[in-house]
C-alpha atoms as a PDB file:
ATOM      1  CA  MET A   1      12.089  59.533   4.965  1.00  0.00           C
ATOM      2  CA  THR A   2      13.188  56.393   3.101  1.00  0.00           C
ATOM      3  CA  SER A   3      15.707  56.413   0.319  1.00  0.00           C
ATOM      4  CA  ALA A   4      15.594  54.313  -2.828  1.00  0.00           C
ATOM      5  CA  LYS A   5      18.344  52.155  -1.322  1.00  0.00           C
ATOM      6  CA  ASP A   6      16.163  51.402   1.744  1.00  0.00           C
ATOM      7  CA  GLU A   7      13.338  50.213  -0.529  1.00  0.00           C
ATOM      8  CA  ARG A   8      15.508  47.686  -2.371  1.00  0.00           C
ATOM      9  CA  ARG A   9      14.745  44.015  -1.956  1.00  0.00           C
ATOM     10  CA  PRO A  10      17.237  41.817  -0.137  1.00  0.00           C
ATOM     11  CA  ALA A  11      19.921  40.207  -2.286  1.00  0.00           C
ATOM     12  CA  GLY A  12      18.412  37.341  -4.229  1.00  0.00           C
ATOM     13  CA  GLY A  13      14.840  38.448  -3.516  1.00  0.00           C
ATOM     14  CA  LEU A  14      14.020  39.158  -7.141  1.00  0.00           C
ATOM     15  CA  GLU A  15      15.576  35.906  -8.292  1.00  0.00           C
ATOM     16  CA  ALA A  16      13.556  34.016  -5.690  1.00  0.00           C
ATOM     17  CA  SER A  17      10.344  35.701  -6.844  1.00  0.00           C
ATOM     18  CA  VAL A  18      11.078  34.890 -10.479  1.00  0.00           C
ATOM     19  CA  MET A  19      11.850  31.257  -9.614  1.00  0.00           C
ATOM     20  CA  ALA A  20       8.616  30.987  -7.612  1.00  0.00           C
ATOM     21  CA  ALA A  21       6.674  32.228 -10.644  1.00  0.00           C
ATOM     22  CA  LEU A  22       8.395  29.719 -12.937  1.00  0.00           C
ATOM     23  CA  TRP A  23       7.797  26.805 -10.560  1.00  0.00           C
ATOM     24  CA  ALA A  24       4.133  27.770 -10.135  1.00  0.00           C
ATOM     25  CA  ALA A  25       3.588  28.024 -13.888  1.00  0.00           C
ATOM     26  CA  GLY A  26       4.688  24.490 -14.673  1.00  0.00           C
ATOM     27  CA  ALA A  27       5.438  25.589 -18.250  1.00  0.00           C
ATOM     28  CA  PRO A  28       8.014  27.877 -19.871  1.00  0.00           C
ATOM     29  CA  LEU A  29       7.249  31.594 -19.486  1.00  0.00           C
ATOM     30  CA  THR A  30       8.369  34.601 -21.477  1.00  0.00           C
ATOM     31  CA  PRO A  31       9.784  37.592 -19.585  1.00  0.00           C
ATOM     32  CA  GLY A  32       6.529  39.460 -20.211  1.00  0.00           C
ATOM     33  CA  ARG A  33       4.514  36.626 -18.724  1.00  0.00           C
ATOM     34  CA  VAL A  34       6.832  36.415 -15.697  1.00  0.00           C
ATOM     35  CA  GLN A  35       6.379  40.167 -15.245  1.00  0.00           C
ATOM     36  CA  THR A  36       2.604  39.714 -15.272  1.00  0.00           C
ATOM     37  CA  GLU A  37       2.790  36.805 -12.807  1.00  0.00           C
ATOM     38  CA  LEU A  38       4.920  38.860 -10.413  1.00  0.00           C
ATOM     39  CA  GLY A  39       2.563  41.823 -10.541  1.00  0.00           C
ATOM     40  CA  SER A  40       5.210  43.893  -8.768  1.00  0.00           C
ATOM     41  CA  GLY A  41       5.606  46.776 -11.171  1.00  0.00           C
ATOM     42  CA  LEU A  42       9.019  45.597 -12.364  1.00  0.00           C
ATOM     43  CA  ALA A  43      10.024  46.659 -15.845  1.00  0.00           C
ATOM     44  CA  ARG A  44      10.071  43.865 -18.408  1.00  0.00           C
ATOM     45  CA  THR A  45      13.736  44.657 -19.070  1.00  0.00           C
ATOM     46  CA  THR A  46      14.499  44.045 -15.393  1.00  0.00           C
ATOM     47  CA  VAL A  47      12.726  40.686 -15.525  1.00  0.00           C
ATOM     48  CA  THR A  48      14.614  39.832 -18.726  1.00  0.00           C
ATOM     49  CA  THR A  49      17.918  40.676 -17.038  1.00  0.00           C
ATOM     50  CA  ILE A  50      17.085  38.488 -14.040  1.00  0.00           C
ATOM     51  CA  LEU A  51      16.110  35.585 -16.290  1.00  0.00           C
ATOM     52  CA  SER A  52      19.299  36.000 -18.346  1.00  0.00           C
ATOM     53  CA  ARG A  53      21.422  35.915 -15.196  1.00  0.00           C
ATOM     54  CA  LEU A  54      19.600  32.831 -13.931  1.00  0.00           C
ATOM     55  CA  HIS A  55      20.240  31.203 -17.309  1.00  0.00           C
ATOM     56  CA  GLU A  56      23.950  32.078 -17.146  1.00  0.00           C
ATOM     57  CA  LYS A  57      24.093  30.450 -13.692  1.00  0.00           C
ATOM     58  CA  GLY A  58      22.440  27.297 -15.064  1.00  0.00           C
ATOM     59  CA  ILE A  59      19.401  27.674 -12.814  1.00  0.00           C
ATOM     60  CA  VAL A  60      16.894  28.065 -15.653  1.00  0.00           C
ATOM     61  CA  GLY A  61      16.782  26.762 -19.176  1.00  0.00           C
ATOM     62  CA  ARG A  62      15.261  28.537 -22.144  1.00  0.00           C
ATOM     63  CA  GLU A  63      13.678  27.733 -25.429  1.00  0.00           C
ATOM     64  CA  ARG A  64      13.126  29.936 -28.428  1.00  0.00           C
ATOM     65  CA  GLN A  65       9.632  31.403 -28.584  1.00  0.00           C
ATOM     66  CA  GLY A  66       9.057  33.854 -31.406  1.00  0.00           C
ATOM     67  CA  ARG A  67      11.822  36.460 -31.398  1.00  0.00           C
ATOM     68  CA  GLY A  68      12.661  35.854 -27.742  1.00  0.00           C
ATOM     69  CA  PHE A  69      12.872  33.096 -25.204  1.00  0.00           C
ATOM     70  CA  ALA A  70      10.597  31.341 -22.745  1.00  0.00           C
ATOM     71  CA  TYR A  71      12.286  30.245 -19.517  1.00  0.00           C
ATOM     72  CA  PHE A  72      11.794  27.210 -17.288  1.00  0.00           C
ATOM     73  CA  PRO A  73      13.428  25.955 -14.061  1.00  0.00           C
ATOM     74  CA  VAL A  74      15.918  23.135 -14.472  1.00  0.00           C
ATOM     75  CA  GLN A  75      15.532  21.977 -10.856  1.00  0.00           C
ATOM     76  CA  ASP A  76      12.817  21.873  -8.245  1.00  0.00           C
ATOM     77  CA  PRO A  77      13.187  24.095  -5.152  1.00  0.00           C
ATOM     78  CA  HIS A  78      14.912  21.320  -3.171  1.00  0.00           C
ATOM     79  CA  GLY A  79      17.426  20.698  -5.936  1.00  0.00           C
ATOM     80  CA  LEU A  80      18.206  24.402  -6.072  1.00  0.00           C
ATOM     81  CA  THR A  81      18.798  24.500  -2.311  1.00  0.00           C
ATOM     82  CA  ALA A  82      21.175  21.535  -2.601  1.00  0.00           C
ATOM     83  CA  ARG A  83      22.978  23.260  -5.479  1.00  0.00           C
ATOM     84  CA  ARG A  84      23.456  26.396  -3.377  1.00  0.00           C
ATOM     85  CA  MET A  85      24.840  24.337  -0.508  1.00  0.00           C
ATOM     86  CA  HIS A  86      27.347  22.682  -2.861  1.00  0.00           C
ATOM     87  CA  THR A  87      28.319  26.068  -4.292  1.00  0.00           C
ATOM     88  CA  GLU A  88      29.089  27.403  -0.822  1.00  0.00           C
ATOM     89  CA  LEU A  89      31.130  24.303   0.045  1.00  0.00           C
ATOM     90  CA  ASP A  90      33.073  24.630  -3.201  1.00  0.00           C
ATOM     91  CA  ARG A  91      33.994  28.213  -2.305  1.00  0.00           C
ATOM     92  CA  ASP A  92      35.596  27.193   0.992  1.00  0.00           C
ATOM     93  CA  GLU A  93      39.204  26.005   0.877  1.00  0.00           C
ATOM     94  CA  ASP A  94      38.680  23.865   3.983  1.00  0.00           C
ATOM     95  CA  ARG A  95      35.693  21.734   3.049  1.00  0.00           C
ATOM     96  CA  GLU A  96      36.113  19.410   6.045  1.00  0.00           C
ATOM     97  CA  THR A  97      35.896  22.245   8.577  1.00  0.00           C
ATOM     98  CA  ALA A  98      32.939  23.832   6.776  1.00  0.00           C
ATOM     99  CA  LEU A  99      31.044  20.518   6.796  1.00  0.00           C
ATOM    100  CA  ALA A 100      31.961  19.855  10.428  1.00  0.00           C
ATOM    101  CA  ARG A 101      30.644  23.259  11.483  1.00  0.00           C
ATOM    102  CA  PHE A 102      27.494  22.797   9.426  1.00  0.00           C
ATOM    103  CA  VAL A 103      26.778  19.467  11.101  1.00  0.00           C
ATOM    104  CA  ALA A 104      27.601  20.881  14.544  1.00  0.00           C
ATOM    105  CA  GLN A 105      24.926  23.549  14.053  1.00  0.00           C
ATOM    106  CA  LEU A 106      22.171  21.125  13.016  1.00  0.00           C
ATOM    107  CA  SER A 107      19.204  20.700  15.301  1.00  0.00           C
ATOM    108  CA  PRO A 108      18.907  17.232  16.873  1.00  0.00           C
ATOM    109  CA  ASP A 109      16.042  16.418  14.483  1.00  0.00           C
ATOM    110  CA  ASP A 110      18.032  17.501  11.416  1.00  0.00           C
ATOM    111  CA  GLU A 111      21.086  15.600  12.646  1.00  0.00           C
ATOM    112  CA  ARG A 112      18.987  12.450  13.048  1.00  0.00           C
ATOM    113  CA  LEU A 113      17.502  12.936   9.566  1.00  0.00           C
ATOM    114  CA  LEU A 114      20.928  13.411   7.994  1.00  0.00           C
ATOM    115  CA  ARG A 115      22.267  10.351   9.795  1.00  0.00           C
ATOM    116  CA  ASP A 116      19.282   8.270   8.594  1.00  0.00           C
ATOM    117  CA  LEU A 117      19.774   9.458   5.016  1.00  0.00           C
ATOM    118  CA  LEU A 118      23.483   8.642   5.047  1.00  0.00           C
ATOM    119  CA  GLU A 119      22.957   5.223   6.636  1.00  0.00           C
ATOM    120  CA  SER A 120      20.104   4.187   4.334  1.00  0.00           C
ATOM    121  CA  GLY A 121      22.487   3.500   1.474  1.00  0.00           C
ATOM    122  CA  GLU A 122      19.716   4.329  -0.983  1.00  0.00           C
ATOM    123  CA  PRO A 123      20.465   6.780  -3.775  1.00  0.00           C
ATOM    124  CA  LEU A 124      18.748  10.115  -3.200  1.00  0.00           C
ATOM    125  CA  GLU A 125      16.848  11.974  -5.891  1.00  0.00           C
ATOM    126  CA  SER A 126      18.995  14.704  -7.406  1.00  0.00           C
ATOM    127  CA  GLY A 127      16.099  16.918  -8.529  1.00  0.00           C
ATOM    128  CA  GLU A 128      17.853  17.512 -11.858  1.00  0.00           C
END
């Protein structure tokens, strides 16, 4: 027998689903439209709460549409990944050690890619 707790999505799963729907849409979506796109049986109020939290975090923007809002991503998926990496680094008091351990755990291919990116001297796209 499974409990309601066992059926919960992993942390961040709902946010990831909502972001995927917004990226796929390519245009601002209302909470009701996001709910329809997800097709997961979530209540519209749940979707609205998720979108509000994403807005508070600065991950989505919103524009007035009727009496409510339509939401849109402010970064592409790669920009969001980079933002999360920066957030984790900012939480650690010893940034140097955290970066050193991150680099030490890279695969040889990823290490080579990072080295090439750093040595290129070209500005990278921020995705913002």
